[in-house]
Amino acid sequence: MPYSEAAVVAEGLRISYRRRFRRHVVLDGLDLEVSSGAVAAIVGRNGEGKTTLFRALVGLHPIDRGRIRIGGCVPGAARDGRRIGFMPELVTYPPSWTVADVLGFGIDLAVSPEHRREAFAIAVAQGRFGDDILSQRANRCSKGYRQRLSLVFALIGEPAVVFLDEPFSGLDPPSRVAMRSEIEAVVDRSATVVLTSHDLAEVGRLATDVFVLDGGRLRARPLEPGTTDAAEALEAMMTTESP
């Protein structure tokens, strides 16, 4: 898919789930538009539905009504065509899978047979995985390595749109810097990035567009990325009551 078409659009999105005998509405009338090549950050308090929104955008959660398009395609078609890369906040791999197995599975999904060896070498270099890490069970890796593995998996095949759910969660300072560099590399190839994070400083460094999820809807707020007061501006957004 040409990167020029890699936009994210959600219109009138409503998502709910049943809780005992009642339906609980998570998102109601949500609209979102992310331009091609942008880095859009979705921030909000715990329980506002950020992960639910992400799962809906990549086609992994049903919606009650509304419309979602990723590069002009419905999410399922975009995901099946490897146009979407998705890094969930929490990942559990099959117990016997090593790091190499996880990378191999992602490459099998996204890369043609004649290019798989090259793609594997690129993924290993991107994640800076030594032989000792490649042979380790994925579920037994440290949080930093599992986050790195999840990101590398999401980037296999160079998808045009990348969704990152809490990519900085649990990372130490060196891993945080490495994660930021990888995200910046994705942006440099003109892909679209949509991320959610409680780390407002990192959001301030990376985001070109910021949306506050509050009461089931998104509020857009202007923010100059990379400014020293970006984190303070974001914190002010988060604490402002809904209009």
Protein backbone atom coordinates (compact mmCIF):
# COMPACT_ATOMS: atom_id res chain seq x y z
CA MET A 1 0.00 0.00 0.00
CA PRO A 2 1.44 3.42 -0.88
CA TYR A 3 2.32 5.40 2.22
CA SER A 4 0.29 8.32 0.86
CA GLU A 5 -2.86 6.27 1.56
CA ALA A 6 -1.82 5.28 5.08
CA ALA A 7 -4.38 7.33 6.99
CA VAL A 8 -6.45 6.24 9.99
CA VAL A 9 -10.11 7.23 10.06
CA ALA A 10 -12.82 6.40 12.61
CA GLU A 11 -16.26 7.94 12.38
CA GLY A 12 -19.09 7.72 14.91
CA LEU A 13 -17.47 4.80 16.69
CA ARG A 14 -19.50 3.14 19.43
CA ILE A 15 -18.18 0.17 21.40
CA SER A 16 -19.85 -1.51 24.37
CA TYR A 17 -19.75 -4.80 26.20
CA ARG A 18 -22.12 -6.68 28.42
CA ARG A 19 -21.57 -6.50 32.17
CA ARG A 20 -23.97 -8.87 33.91
CA PHE A 21 -27.44 -7.74 32.78
CA ARG A 22 -26.45 -4.36 31.35
CA ARG A 23 -24.29 -3.09 28.53
CA HIS A 24 -21.38 -0.87 29.47
CA VAL A 25 -20.55 1.75 26.84
CA VAL A 26 -16.79 2.30 26.45
CA LEU A 27 -16.68 4.58 23.41
CA ASP A 28 -19.62 6.58 22.10
CA GLY A 29 -19.60 8.75 18.99
CA LEU A 30 -15.80 8.75 18.74
CA ASP A 31 -14.20 10.38 15.70
CA LEU A 32 -10.52 10.15 14.79
CA GLU A 33 -8.51 11.17 11.76
CA VAL A 34 -4.74 10.70 11.51
CA SER A 35 -2.89 12.03 8.48
CA SER A 36 -0.35 9.98 6.59
CA GLY A 37 3.12 10.22 8.13
CA ALA A 38 1.86 11.65 11.41
CA VAL A 39 2.70 10.46 14.92
CA ALA A 40 -0.60 10.56 16.77
CA ALA A 41 -0.72 9.98 20.52
CA ILE A 42 -3.87 9.00 22.37
CA VAL A 43 -3.66 9.77 26.08
CA GLY A 44 -6.13 9.44 28.91
CA ARG A 45 -6.79 8.09 32.36
CA ASN A 46 -6.88 4.36 33.11
CA GLY A 47 -10.16 2.75 32.12
CA GLU A 48 -11.05 5.29 29.43
CA GLY A 49 -10.84 2.67 26.67
CA LYS A 50 -7.52 3.31 24.95
CA THR A 51 -6.68 -0.37 24.51
CA THR A 52 -10.25 -1.12 23.40
CA LEU A 53 -9.93 1.60 20.77
CA PHE A 54 -6.62 0.21 19.55
CA ARG A 55 -8.00 -3.30 19.25
CA ALA A 56 -10.97 -1.99 17.28
CA LEU A 57 -8.74 0.01 14.94
CA VAL A 58 -6.72 -3.09 14.03
CA GLY A 59 -9.84 -5.23 13.64
CA LEU A 60 -9.52 -7.32 16.80
CA HIS A 61 -12.56 -5.94 18.67
CA PRO A 62 -16.14 -5.70 17.37
CA ILE A 63 -17.87 -2.33 17.14
CA ASP A 64 -21.54 -1.59 17.70
CA ARG A 65 -21.68 1.03 15.00
CA GLY A 66 -19.50 3.47 13.13
CA ARG A 67 -16.85 3.18 10.45
CA ILE A 68 -13.12 2.48 10.49
CA ARG A 69 -10.75 2.71 7.54
CA ILE A 70 -7.00 2.12 7.51
CA GLY A 71 -5.54 3.44 4.27
CA GLY A 72 -8.98 3.17 2.73
CA CYS A 73 -9.44 -0.48 3.80
CA VAL A 74 -11.45 -2.08 6.55
CA PRO A 75 -9.15 -3.10 9.45
CA GLY A 76 -9.33 -6.84 8.79
CA ALA A 77 -8.23 -6.49 5.18
CA ALA A 78 -5.48 -4.05 6.11
CA ARG A 79 -4.20 -6.39 8.83
CA ASP A 80 -4.31 -9.48 6.60
CA GLY A 81 -2.35 -7.59 3.97
CA ARG A 82 0.31 -6.68 6.57
CA ARG A 83 -0.54 -3.01 6.11
CA ILE A 84 -0.94 -2.74 9.88
CA GLY A 85 1.69 -3.36 12.52
CA PHE A 86 0.35 -3.77 16.06
CA MET A 87 2.31 -3.83 19.32
CA PRO A 88 -0.07 -4.77 22.17
CA GLU A 89 0.62 -3.70 25.72
CA LEU A 90 0.71 -7.31 26.94
CA VAL A 91 1.79 -10.32 24.90
CA THR A 92 1.94 -13.98 25.90
CA TYR A 93 3.63 -16.37 23.50
CA PRO A 94 3.20 -20.15 23.23
CA PRO A 95 5.24 -21.65 26.10
CA SER A 96 7.76 -23.45 23.90
CA TRP A 97 8.46 -20.57 21.51
CA THR A 98 11.88 -18.99 21.52
CA VAL A 99 12.60 -15.43 20.40
CA ALA A 100 13.74 -16.88 17.06
CA ASP A 101 10.43 -18.75 16.73
CA VAL A 102 8.45 -15.55 17.28
CA LEU A 103 10.45 -13.69 14.65
CA GLY A 104 10.15 -16.60 12.23
CA PHE A 105 6.38 -16.69 12.66
CA GLY A 106 6.07 -12.97 11.92
CA ILE A 107 8.29 -13.30 8.87
CA ASP A 108 6.26 -16.23 7.56
CA LEU A 109 3.16 -14.04 7.74
CA ALA A 110 4.62 -10.96 6.10
CA VAL A 111 7.51 -11.87 3.80
CA SER A 112 7.71 -13.94 0.62
CA PRO A 113 9.81 -17.15 0.86
CA GLU A 114 12.71 -15.85 -1.21
CA HIS A 115 13.24 -12.90 1.15
CA ARG A 116 12.75 -14.60 4.52
CA ARG A 117 16.42 -15.13 5.30
CA GLU A 118 17.18 -11.46 4.66
CA ALA A 119 14.14 -10.38 6.67
CA PHE A 120 15.20 -12.52 9.61
CA ALA A 121 18.68 -10.94 9.61
CA ILE A 122 17.11 -7.46 9.52
CA ALA A 123 14.78 -8.29 12.44
CA VAL A 124 17.66 -9.69 14.52
CA ALA A 125 19.76 -6.58 13.86
CA GLN A 126 16.84 -4.28 14.58
CA GLY A 127 16.20 -5.93 17.93
CA ARG A 128 19.92 -6.32 18.70
CA PHE A 129 19.26 -9.96 19.61
CA GLY A 130 22.36 -12.08 20.25
CA ASP A 131 22.38 -15.85 19.89
CA ASP A 132 21.73 -16.26 23.61
CA ILE A 133 18.55 -14.19 23.37
CA LEU A 134 17.37 -15.83 20.14
CA SER A 135 17.46 -19.26 21.79
CA GLN A 136 15.70 -18.10 24.97
CA ARG A 137 12.02 -18.82 25.60
CA ALA A 138 10.17 -15.62 24.70
CA ASN A 139 7.97 -15.64 27.81
CA ARG A 140 11.04 -15.88 30.04
CA CYS A 141 12.76 -12.80 28.65
CA SER A 142 12.94 -9.62 30.69
CA LYS A 143 10.25 -6.98 30.19
CA GLY A 144 12.65 -4.88 28.14
CA TYR A 145 13.46 -7.70 25.74
CA ARG A 146 9.80 -8.68 25.42
CA GLN A 147 8.89 -5.08 24.59
CA ARG A 148 11.70 -4.98 22.03
CA LEU A 149 10.55 -8.29 20.53
CA SER A 150 6.96 -7.08 20.33
CA LEU A 151 8.03 -3.93 18.51
CA VAL A 152 10.27 -5.78 16.05
CA PHE A 153 7.44 -8.23 15.35
CA ALA A 154 5.06 -5.32 14.66
CA LEU A 155 7.53 -3.78 12.19
CA ILE A 156 8.17 -6.91 10.11
CA GLY A 157 7.29 -6.20 6.50
CA GLU A 158 7.46 -2.42 7.02
CA PRO A 159 3.72 -1.81 7.52
CA ALA A 160 2.38 1.58 6.48
CA VAL A 161 0.48 2.11 9.75
CA VAL A 162 1.89 1.08 13.14
CA PHE A 163 -0.13 0.96 16.37
CA LEU A 164 1.87 0.95 19.61
CA ASP A 165 0.00 0.35 22.88
CA GLU A 166 2.13 1.56 25.83
CA PRO A 167 5.50 0.93 24.12
CA PHE A 168 7.49 2.51 27.00
CA SER A 169 5.84 0.50 29.78
CA GLY A 170 8.36 -1.01 32.20
CA LEU A 171 11.47 0.07 30.28
CA ASP A 172 14.69 1.22 31.91
CA PRO A 173 16.34 4.43 30.59
CA PRO A 174 18.60 2.77 27.96
CA SER A 175 15.70 0.67 26.66
CA ARG A 176 13.51 3.77 26.59
CA VAL A 177 16.05 5.59 24.42
CA ALA A 178 16.29 2.58 22.09
CA MET A 179 12.49 2.37 21.81
CA ARG A 180 12.27 6.06 20.97
CA SER A 181 14.96 5.67 18.29
CA GLU A 182 13.08 2.77 16.69
CA ILE A 183 9.85 4.78 16.59
CA GLU A 184 11.69 7.71 15.03
CA ALA A 185 13.09 5.35 12.39
CA VAL A 186 9.53 4.26 11.55
CA VAL A 187 8.57 7.91 11.12
CA ASP A 188 11.61 8.54 8.92
CA ARG A 189 10.29 6.06 6.35
CA SER A 190 7.03 8.05 6.23
CA ALA A 191 4.88 5.47 7.98
CA THR A 192 1.98 6.57 10.18
CA VAL A 193 2.33 5.88 13.92
CA VAL A 194 -0.51 5.83 16.43
CA LEU A 195 0.56 5.28 20.02
CA THR A 196 -0.83 5.42 23.51
CA SER A 197 1.32 5.99 26.56
CA HIS A 198 1.21 7.20 30.15
CA ASP A 199 4.76 8.48 29.66
CA LEU A 200 3.88 12.06 28.82
CA ALA A 201 7.50 13.10 28.36
CA GLU A 202 7.97 10.56 25.56
CA VAL A 203 4.65 11.53 24.01
CA GLY A 204 5.80 15.15 24.05
CA ARG A 205 9.04 14.21 22.28
CA LEU A 206 7.41 12.15 19.53
CA ALA A 207 3.84 13.22 18.85
CA THR A 208 2.74 15.55 16.06
CA ASP A 209 -0.94 15.13 17.01
CA VAL A 210 -2.35 14.53 20.49
CA PHE A 211 -5.84 13.31 21.37
CA VAL A 212 -7.24 13.08 24.88
CA LEU A 213 -9.68 10.21 25.38
CA ASP A 214 -12.28 11.32 27.87
CA GLY A 215 -15.86 10.16 28.38
CA GLY A 216 -15.84 7.90 25.34
CA ARG A 217 -14.75 10.61 22.91
CA LEU A 218 -11.53 12.19 21.72
CA ARG A 219 -10.52 15.80 22.22
CA ALA A 220 -7.76 17.04 19.94
CA ARG A 221 -5.20 19.42 21.42
CA PRO A 222 -2.36 21.23 19.62
CA LEU A 223 1.13 20.46 20.84
CA GLU A 224 4.54 21.44 19.54
CA PRO A 225 6.52 18.15 19.58
CA GLY A 226 9.93 18.14 21.21
CA THR A 227 9.41 21.21 23.35
CA THR A 228 10.66 21.23 26.93
CA ASP A 229 7.21 22.00 28.34
CA ALA A 230 5.41 19.33 26.30
CA ALA A 231 4.96 17.00 29.28
CA GLU A 232 3.52 19.83 31.38
CA ALA A 233 1.12 20.78 28.57
CA LEU A 234 -0.04 17.18 28.27
CA GLU A 235 -0.54 16.87 32.01
CA ALA A 236 -2.69 19.99 31.89
CA MET A 237 -4.76 18.42 29.11
CA MET A 238 -5.27 15.27 31.15
CA THR A 239 -6.49 17.14 34.21
CA THR A 240 -8.84 19.49 32.39
CA GLU A 241 -12.46 18.54 32.79
CA SER A 242 -14.46 17.60 29.71
CA PRO A 243 -16.25 20.49 28.06
